[in-house]
């Protein structure tokens, strides 16, 4: 009986090289990128809270500054939630894949 051989190209050359897991060139991982983004959102939220407190104390006379800080915090939170939703959707889709 003949030995079973793996499928190859007609020329005898390998079809593709096996994939190698490599860290990104910058050295930052996906988890680090997510952690940094969450810290940035937290920082923006803290800045907005401080702006509200300063306005309530009368230290800030310009309401425009407070509103801008609040909108920036709101947009960063909404963006973070959308990224979270996309990540969950991708995870659920991967879970449904048949191997």
Protein backbone atom coordinates (compact mmCIF):
# COMPACT_ATOMS: atom_id res chain seq x y z
CA UNK A 1 0.00 0.00 0.00
CA UNK A 2 1.17 3.49 -0.80
CA UNK A 3 1.80 5.95 1.98
CA UNK A 4 -0.65 8.80 2.30
CA UNK A 5 0.97 12.09 1.42
CA UNK A 6 -0.23 15.58 2.16
CA UNK A 7 -1.84 17.57 -0.60
CA UNK A 8 0.64 19.71 -2.48
CA UNK A 9 0.85 21.71 -5.64
CA UNK A 10 1.50 20.18 -9.03
CA UNK A 11 5.03 21.60 -9.09
CA UNK A 12 5.96 19.96 -5.81
CA UNK A 13 6.41 23.28 -4.06
CA UNK A 14 4.52 23.77 -0.80
CA UNK A 15 1.24 25.62 -1.26
CA UNK A 16 1.73 27.89 1.72
CA UNK A 17 4.01 28.24 4.68
CA UNK A 18 2.57 27.52 8.13
CA UNK A 19 1.53 30.61 10.04
CA UNK A 20 3.83 31.69 12.84
CA UNK A 21 2.49 33.64 15.82
CA UNK A 22 4.52 36.84 16.10
CA UNK A 23 4.27 39.77 18.45
CA UNK A 24 3.66 43.11 16.76
CA UNK A 25 6.80 45.05 15.91
CA UNK A 26 6.00 47.69 18.49
CA UNK A 27 5.89 45.06 21.24
CA UNK A 28 2.42 46.13 22.41
CA UNK A 29 -0.19 43.42 22.68
CA UNK A 30 -3.91 43.69 22.03
CA UNK A 31 -4.59 43.49 25.76
CA UNK A 32 -2.23 46.42 26.37
CA UNK A 33 -4.00 48.47 23.70
CA UNK A 34 -7.40 47.78 25.28
CA UNK A 35 -6.05 48.57 28.75
CA UNK A 36 -4.61 51.89 27.52
CA UNK A 37 -7.90 52.80 25.84
CA UNK A 38 -9.86 52.04 29.02
CA UNK A 39 -7.48 54.15 31.07
CA UNK A 40 -7.91 57.02 28.61
CA UNK A 41 -11.71 56.80 28.88
CA UNK A 42 -11.42 56.77 32.67
CA UNK A 43 -9.17 59.83 32.55
CA UNK A 44 -11.64 61.74 30.37
CA UNK A 45 -14.49 60.76 32.71
CA UNK A 46 -12.48 62.01 35.71
CA UNK A 47 -11.75 65.30 33.93
CA UNK A 48 -15.47 65.80 33.27
CA UNK A 49 -16.30 65.07 36.91
CA UNK A 50 -13.68 67.58 38.04
CA UNK A 51 -15.08 70.20 35.64
CA UNK A 52 -18.56 69.71 37.14
CA UNK A 53 -17.22 70.03 40.67
CA UNK A 54 -15.20 73.14 39.79
CA UNK A 55 -18.28 74.73 38.23
CA UNK A 56 -20.39 73.89 41.28
CA UNK A 57 -17.77 75.50 43.54
CA UNK A 58 -17.68 78.60 41.37
CA UNK A 59 -14.05 78.08 40.34
CA UNK A 60 -15.03 77.91 36.66
CA UNK A 61 -17.19 80.73 35.35
CA UNK A 62 -17.45 79.47 31.77
CA UNK A 63 -20.17 76.83 31.33
CA UNK A 64 -18.81 76.16 27.84
CA UNK A 65 -15.72 74.46 29.30
CA UNK A 66 -17.87 72.18 31.44
CA UNK A 67 -20.17 71.25 28.55
CA UNK A 68 -17.21 70.46 26.29
CA UNK A 69 -15.69 68.23 28.99
CA UNK A 70 -19.02 66.42 29.45
CA UNK A 71 -19.49 65.88 25.71
CA UNK A 72 -15.94 64.60 25.36
CA UNK A 73 -16.57 62.14 28.21
CA UNK A 74 -19.88 61.07 26.67
CA UNK A 75 -18.34 60.49 23.24
CA UNK A 76 -15.44 58.49 24.67
CA UNK A 77 -17.84 56.33 26.68
CA UNK A 78 -20.09 55.73 23.66
CA UNK A 79 -17.07 54.83 21.52
CA UNK A 80 -15.80 52.42 24.17
CA UNK A 81 -19.23 50.76 24.36
CA UNK A 82 -19.35 50.34 20.57
CA UNK A 83 -15.90 48.75 20.55
CA UNK A 84 -17.02 46.44 23.38
CA UNK A 85 -20.13 45.46 21.43
CA UNK A 86 -18.09 44.72 18.30
CA UNK A 87 -15.63 42.61 20.30
CA UNK A 88 -18.47 40.61 21.86
CA UNK A 89 -20.08 40.09 18.46
CA UNK A 90 -16.77 38.87 17.02
CA UNK A 91 -16.25 36.54 19.99
CA UNK A 92 -19.75 35.09 19.63
CA UNK A 93 -19.19 34.56 15.91
CA UNK A 94 -15.92 32.75 16.58
CA UNK A 95 -17.71 30.55 19.12
CA UNK A 96 -20.28 29.56 16.47
CA UNK A 97 -17.60 28.50 13.98
CA UNK A 98 -17.32 24.80 13.30
CA UNK A 99 -13.83 23.42 13.46
